[in-house]
Amino acid sequence: MVINYLSLSSKALHELLGMVAVRLTEAVDALDVPLWGPSVIKTVPGAGKLCAYRLGMSARLLRNICLWKDILAGPVIEKITMDELLKGEMLPHVKSMGLDLHDARAWQDIFI
């Protein structure tokens, strides 16, 4: 990895990691998981597939962001994953679906 080849105090490395954090934040901001309730999803053709696709995309993005945990600062990763992605996109969708946030089986069905 590039970190092995550059000094930790390198300005270029700091700029690169700053840009990575900005790009991850932009990816989260560009993501839009619909907040449609179960009645809309049952009524509108294709709405369920779109919601499932977007929620799956957010889960994959969450996994990819977490891969940076050993490289980016902890507070940066926490802000992007917990505040912006989970609280801002994923949990509101799950709540709008009427799912119990503590139901492990429902979460397993969503992410697998």
N, C-alpha and C. Protein backbone atom coordinates (compact mmCIF):
# COMPACT_ATOMS: atom_id res chain seq x y z
N MET A 1 0.83 -1.17 0.00
CA MET A 1 0.00 0.00 0.00
C MET A 1 0.88 1.24 0.00
N VAL A 2 0.34 2.34 -0.45
CA VAL A 2 1.10 3.57 -0.59
C VAL A 2 1.64 4.09 0.74
N ILE A 3 0.98 3.76 1.83
CA ILE A 3 1.42 4.22 3.16
C ILE A 3 2.77 3.62 3.52
N ASN A 4 3.04 2.43 3.03
CA ASN A 4 4.33 1.80 3.31
C ASN A 4 5.49 2.50 2.61
N TYR A 5 5.20 3.25 1.55
CA TYR A 5 6.25 3.88 0.75
C TYR A 5 6.45 5.36 1.06
N LEU A 6 5.50 5.97 1.75
CA LEU A 6 5.61 7.39 2.06
C LEU A 6 5.79 7.60 3.55
N SER A 7 6.43 8.65 3.88
CA SER A 7 6.59 9.03 5.29
C SER A 7 5.24 9.44 5.85
N LEU A 8 4.97 9.09 7.10
CA LEU A 8 3.69 9.44 7.71
C LEU A 8 3.51 10.95 7.85
N SER A 9 4.60 11.68 7.81
CA SER A 9 4.50 13.14 7.91
C SER A 9 4.46 13.80 6.53
N SER A 10 4.39 13.01 5.48
CA SER A 10 4.40 13.53 4.11
C SER A 10 3.13 14.33 3.83
N LYS A 11 3.33 15.49 3.25
CA LYS A 11 2.19 16.35 2.88
C LYS A 11 1.33 15.66 1.81
N ALA A 12 1.97 14.99 0.88
CA ALA A 12 1.24 14.30 -0.19
C ALA A 12 0.34 13.20 0.37
N LEU A 13 0.83 12.50 1.38
CA LEU A 13 0.03 11.45 2.00
C LEU A 13 -1.18 12.04 2.70
N HIS A 14 -0.99 13.14 3.40
CA HIS A 14 -2.11 13.80 4.08
C HIS A 14 -3.14 14.30 3.08
N GLU A 15 -2.68 14.84 1.96
CA GLU A 15 -3.60 15.28 0.92
C GLU A 15 -4.37 14.11 0.32
N LEU A 16 -3.67 13.00 0.09
CA LEU A 16 -4.31 11.81 -0.47
C LEU A 16 -5.38 11.28 0.48
N LEU A 17 -5.06 11.14 1.75
CA LEU A 17 -6.04 10.63 2.71
C LEU A 17 -7.19 11.60 2.91
N GLY A 18 -6.90 12.89 2.84
CA GLY A 18 -7.97 13.88 2.91
C GLY A 18 -8.92 13.75 1.73
N MET A 19 -8.35 13.50 0.55
CA MET A 19 -9.18 13.34 -0.64
C MET A 19 -10.00 12.05 -0.56
N VAL A 20 -9.43 11.00 -0.02
CA VAL A 20 -10.18 9.75 0.16
C VAL A 20 -11.38 10.00 1.07
N ALA A 21 -11.17 10.70 2.17
CA ALA A 21 -12.26 11.00 3.10
C ALA A 21 -13.33 11.84 2.42
N VAL A 22 -12.92 12.80 1.61
CA VAL A 22 -13.89 13.64 0.88
C VAL A 22 -14.68 12.80 -0.10
N ARG A 23 -14.01 11.91 -0.82
CA ARG A 23 -14.70 11.06 -1.81
C ARG A 23 -15.68 10.09 -1.14
N LEU A 24 -15.29 9.56 0.01
CA LEU A 24 -16.21 8.67 0.74
C LEU A 24 -17.44 9.44 1.20
N THR A 25 -17.24 10.65 1.68
CA THR A 25 -18.37 11.49 2.10
C THR A 25 -19.25 11.82 0.91
N GLU A 26 -18.66 12.12 -0.22
CA GLU A 26 -19.44 12.41 -1.43
C GLU A 26 -20.25 11.18 -1.87
N ALA A 27 -19.67 10.00 -1.74
CA ALA A 27 -20.39 8.77 -2.10
C ALA A 27 -21.60 8.58 -1.20
N VAL A 28 -21.44 8.86 0.09
CA VAL A 28 -22.56 8.73 1.02
C VAL A 28 -23.62 9.78 0.69
N ASP A 29 -23.19 11.01 0.41
CA ASP A 29 -24.14 12.08 0.09
C ASP A 29 -24.92 11.79 -1.19
N ALA A 30 -24.28 11.14 -2.15
CA ALA A 30 -24.94 10.82 -3.42
C ALA A 30 -25.93 9.67 -3.29
N LEU A 31 -25.81 8.91 -2.23
CA LEU A 31 -26.68 7.76 -2.02
C LEU A 31 -28.05 8.23 -1.54
N ASP A 32 -29.09 7.64 -2.08
CA ASP A 32 -30.44 8.00 -1.67
C ASP A 32 -31.26 6.73 -1.50
N VAL A 33 -31.50 6.37 -0.25
CA VAL A 33 -32.33 5.21 0.06
C VAL A 33 -33.74 5.73 0.32
N PRO A 34 -34.72 5.33 -0.50
CA PRO A 34 -36.09 5.86 -0.36
C PRO A 34 -36.71 5.54 1.00
N LEU A 35 -37.52 6.46 1.48
CA LEU A 35 -38.21 6.28 2.75
C LEU A 35 -39.67 5.92 2.52
N TRP A 36 -39.91 5.01 1.61
CA TRP A 36 -41.27 4.61 1.29
C TRP A 36 -41.74 3.56 2.29
N GLY A 37 -42.98 3.64 2.65
CA GLY A 37 -43.56 2.66 3.56
C GLY A 37 -43.95 1.39 2.82
N PRO A 38 -44.36 0.38 3.59
CA PRO A 38 -44.75 -0.91 2.98
C PRO A 38 -45.90 -0.79 1.98
N SER A 39 -46.84 0.13 2.23
CA SER A 39 -47.97 0.26 1.30
C SER A 39 -47.52 0.76 -0.06
N VAL A 40 -46.59 1.69 -0.10
CA VAL A 40 -46.08 2.20 -1.38
C VAL A 40 -45.31 1.11 -2.10
N ILE A 41 -44.52 0.37 -1.37
CA ILE A 41 -43.71 -0.68 -1.99
C ILE A 41 -44.59 -1.78 -2.57
N LYS A 42 -45.71 -2.07 -1.90
CA LYS A 42 -46.62 -3.09 -2.43
C LYS A 42 -47.41 -2.58 -3.63
N THR A 43 -47.70 -1.29 -3.65
CA THR A 43 -48.55 -0.72 -4.69
C THR A 43 -47.80 -0.39 -5.97
N VAL A 44 -46.65 0.22 -5.85
CA VAL A 44 -45.90 0.70 -7.01
C VAL A 44 -45.01 -0.41 -7.55
N PRO A 45 -45.17 -0.77 -8.83
CA PRO A 45 -44.32 -1.81 -9.41
C PRO A 45 -42.85 -1.39 -9.43
N GLY A 46 -42.00 -2.27 -8.99
CA GLY A 46 -40.57 -2.02 -9.01
C GLY A 46 -40.04 -1.24 -7.82
N ALA A 47 -40.92 -0.73 -6.98
CA ALA A 47 -40.48 0.07 -5.83
C ALA A 47 -39.70 -0.79 -4.84
N GLY A 48 -40.14 -2.00 -4.62
CA GLY A 48 -39.46 -2.90 -3.69
C GLY A 48 -38.05 -3.24 -4.17
N LYS A 49 -37.93 -3.50 -5.47
CA LYS A 49 -36.61 -3.81 -6.02
C LYS A 49 -35.66 -2.62 -5.90
N LEU A 50 -36.19 -1.42 -6.16
CA LEU A 50 -35.37 -0.23 -6.05
C LEU A 50 -34.90 -0.01 -4.61
N CYS A 51 -35.82 -0.15 -3.66
CA CYS A 51 -35.45 0.01 -2.25
C CYS A 51 -34.41 -1.03 -1.83
N ALA A 52 -34.63 -2.27 -2.24
CA ALA A 52 -33.68 -3.33 -1.88
C ALA A 52 -32.32 -3.07 -2.51
N TYR A 53 -32.31 -2.61 -3.75
CA TYR A 53 -31.05 -2.32 -4.45
C TYR A 53 -30.31 -1.19 -3.74
N ARG A 54 -31.01 -0.11 -3.42
CA ARG A 54 -30.37 1.03 -2.77
C ARG A 54 -29.89 0.69 -1.36
N LEU A 55 -30.67 -0.09 -0.62
CA LEU A 55 -30.23 -0.49 0.71
C LEU A 55 -29.02 -1.42 0.62
N GLY A 56 -29.02 -2.32 -0.35
CA GLY A 56 -27.85 -3.19 -0.56
C GLY A 56 -26.63 -2.39 -0.97
N MET A 57 -26.84 -1.36 -1.79
CA MET A 57 -25.74 -0.50 -2.19
C MET A 57 -25.17 0.24 -0.97
N SER A 58 -26.04 0.68 -0.07
CA SER A 58 -25.56 1.36 1.13
C SER A 58 -24.82 0.39 2.05
N ALA A 59 -25.25 -0.86 2.10
CA ALA A 59 -24.54 -1.86 2.92
C ALA A 59 -23.16 -2.15 2.34
N ARG A 60 -23.06 -2.23 1.02
CA ARG A 60 -21.75 -2.45 0.39
C ARG A 60 -20.84 -1.24 0.59
N LEU A 61 -21.41 -0.05 0.51
CA LEU A 61 -20.63 1.15 0.76
C LEU A 61 -20.14 1.20 2.20
N LEU A 62 -21.00 0.79 3.12
CA LEU A 62 -20.60 0.74 4.53
C LEU A 62 -19.42 -0.21 4.72
N ARG A 63 -19.49 -1.37 4.10
CA ARG A 63 -18.39 -2.33 4.18
C ARG A 63 -17.10 -1.75 3.59
N ASN A 64 -17.21 -1.11 2.44
CA ASN A 64 -16.04 -0.54 1.79
C ASN A 64 -15.43 0.59 2.61
N ILE A 65 -16.25 1.41 3.22
CA ILE A 65 -15.73 2.48 4.07
C ILE A 65 -15.01 1.90 5.28
N CYS A 66 -15.57 0.83 5.84
CA CYS A 66 -14.95 0.21 7.01
C CYS A 66 -13.59 -0.41 6.69
N LEU A 67 -13.33 -0.72 5.45
CA LEU A 67 -12.02 -1.24 5.06
C LEU A 67 -10.91 -0.21 5.25
N TRP A 68 -11.28 1.05 5.36
CA TRP A 68 -10.31 2.13 5.56
C TRP A 68 -10.02 2.37 7.05
N LYS A 69 -10.56 1.55 7.93
CA LYS A 69 -10.46 1.78 9.38
C LYS A 69 -9.03 1.83 9.90
N ASP A 70 -8.12 1.11 9.28
CA ASP A 70 -6.73 1.11 9.74
C ASP A 70 -5.91 2.22 9.10
N ILE A 71 -6.50 2.95 8.16
CA ILE A 71 -5.75 3.96 7.43
C ILE A 71 -6.22 5.37 7.79
N LEU A 72 -7.54 5.58 7.75
CA LEU A 72 -8.08 6.89 8.10
C LEU A 72 -8.28 7.00 9.61
N ALA A 73 -8.36 8.20 10.10
CA ALA A 73 -8.57 8.44 11.53
C ALA A 73 -9.93 7.92 11.97
N GLY A 74 -9.98 7.36 13.18
CA GLY A 74 -11.21 6.80 13.72
C GLY A 74 -12.39 7.75 13.71
N PRO A 75 -12.22 9.00 14.15
CA PRO A 75 -13.35 9.93 14.14
C PRO A 75 -13.89 10.21 12.73
N VAL A 76 -13.02 10.19 11.73
CA VAL A 76 -13.45 10.41 10.35
C VAL A 76 -14.31 9.25 9.88
N ILE A 77 -13.85 8.04 10.12
CA ILE A 77 -14.61 6.84 9.75
C ILE A 77 -15.93 6.80 10.50
N GLU A 78 -15.89 7.10 11.78
CA GLU A 78 -17.11 7.08 12.61
C GLU A 78 -18.13 8.09 12.10
N LYS A 79 -17.68 9.28 11.75
CA LYS A 79 -18.59 10.31 11.25
C LYS A 79 -19.24 9.87 9.94
N ILE A 80 -18.44 9.34 9.04
CA ILE A 80 -18.97 8.94 7.73
C ILE A 80 -19.92 7.75 7.88
N THR A 81 -19.50 6.73 8.63
CA THR A 81 -20.31 5.51 8.70
C THR A 81 -21.51 5.67 9.62
N MET A 82 -21.27 6.11 10.84
CA MET A 82 -22.35 6.14 11.82
C MET A 82 -23.31 7.32 11.60
N ASP A 83 -22.75 8.51 11.50
CA ASP A 83 -23.59 9.70 11.42
C ASP A 83 -24.24 9.88 10.05
N GLU A 84 -23.44 9.76 9.02
CA GLU A 84 -23.96 10.06 7.69
C GLU A 84 -24.65 8.87 7.02
N LEU A 85 -24.02 7.71 7.06
CA LEU A 85 -24.59 6.56 6.34
C LEU A 85 -25.65 5.83 7.14
N LEU A 86 -25.30 5.39 8.34
CA LEU A 86 -26.29 4.64 9.13
C LEU A 86 -27.46 5.51 9.58
N LYS A 87 -27.16 6.60 10.28
CA LYS A 87 -28.23 7.45 10.80
C LYS A 87 -28.94 8.24 9.72
N GLY A 88 -28.21 8.62 8.67
CA GLY A 88 -28.80 9.46 7.64
C GLY A 88 -29.52 8.72 6.54
N GLU A 89 -29.11 7.50 6.22
CA GLU A 89 -29.69 6.78 5.09
C GLU A 89 -30.33 5.44 5.46
N MET A 90 -29.58 4.60 6.15
CA MET A 90 -30.03 3.22 6.35
C MET A 90 -31.13 3.10 7.41
N LEU A 91 -30.91 3.65 8.59
CA LEU A 91 -31.89 3.49 9.66
C LEU A 91 -33.22 4.17 9.37
N PRO A 92 -33.24 5.37 8.77
CA PRO A 92 -34.55 5.94 8.42
C PRO A 92 -35.35 5.04 7.47
N HIS A 93 -34.66 4.40 6.53
CA HIS A 93 -35.35 3.48 5.61
C HIS A 93 -35.92 2.29 6.37
N VAL A 94 -35.11 1.72 7.26
CA VAL A 94 -35.57 0.55 8.02
C VAL A 94 -36.76 0.93 8.90
N LYS A 95 -36.71 2.10 9.51
CA LYS A 95 -37.84 2.56 10.33
C LYS A 95 -39.08 2.78 9.48
N SER A 96 -38.93 3.34 8.28
CA SER A 96 -40.09 3.59 7.42
C SER A 96 -40.74 2.29 6.97
N MET A 97 -39.95 1.22 6.93
CA MET A 97 -40.49 -0.08 6.56
C MET A 97 -41.23 -0.74 7.72
N GLY A 98 -41.08 -0.18 8.90
CA GLY A 98 -41.75 -0.73 10.06
C GLY A 98 -41.02 -1.91 10.66
N LEU A 99 -39.74 -2.07 10.35
CA LEU A 99 -38.96 -3.17 10.89
C LEU A 99 -38.44 -2.83 12.28
N ASP A 100 -38.34 -3.83 13.12
CA ASP A 100 -37.78 -3.66 14.45
C ASP A 100 -36.27 -3.57 14.33
N LEU A 101 -35.70 -2.49 14.87
CA LEU A 101 -34.25 -2.29 14.76
C LEU A 101 -33.46 -3.35 15.51
N HIS A 102 -34.09 -4.06 16.43
CA HIS A 102 -33.40 -5.06 17.22
C HIS A 102 -33.67 -6.49 16.74
N ASP A 103 -34.37 -6.61 15.61
CA ASP A 103 -34.70 -7.92 15.07
C ASP A 103 -33.56 -8.40 14.17
N ALA A 104 -32.73 -9.26 14.71
CA ALA A 104 -31.54 -9.72 13.98
C ALA A 104 -31.92 -10.48 12.71
N ARG A 105 -33.01 -11.20 12.74
CA ARG A 105 -33.43 -11.97 11.57
C ARG A 105 -33.79 -11.05 10.41
N ALA A 106 -34.49 -9.96 10.69
CA ALA A 106 -34.85 -9.01 9.65
C ALA A 106 -33.60 -8.38 9.04
N TRP A 107 -32.64 -8.04 9.86
CA TRP A 107 -31.39 -7.45 9.37
C TRP A 107 -30.63 -8.46 8.52
N GLN A 108 -30.66 -9.72 8.94
CA GLN A 108 -29.96 -10.75 8.16
C GLN A 108 -30.62 -10.88 6.78
N ASP A 109 -31.95 -10.84 6.73
CA ASP A 109 -32.65 -10.93 5.46
C ASP A 109 -32.33 -9.75 4.56
N ILE A 110 -32.17 -8.57 5.15
CA ILE A 110 -31.88 -7.37 4.37
C ILE A 110 -30.50 -7.47 3.75
N PHE A 111 -29.51 -7.89 4.51
CA PHE A 111 -28.13 -7.81 4.06
C PHE A 111 -27.61 -9.08 3.40
N ILE A 112 -28.38 -10.12 3.39
CA ILE A 112 -27.93 -11.36 2.73
C ILE A 112 -28.82 -11.68 1.58
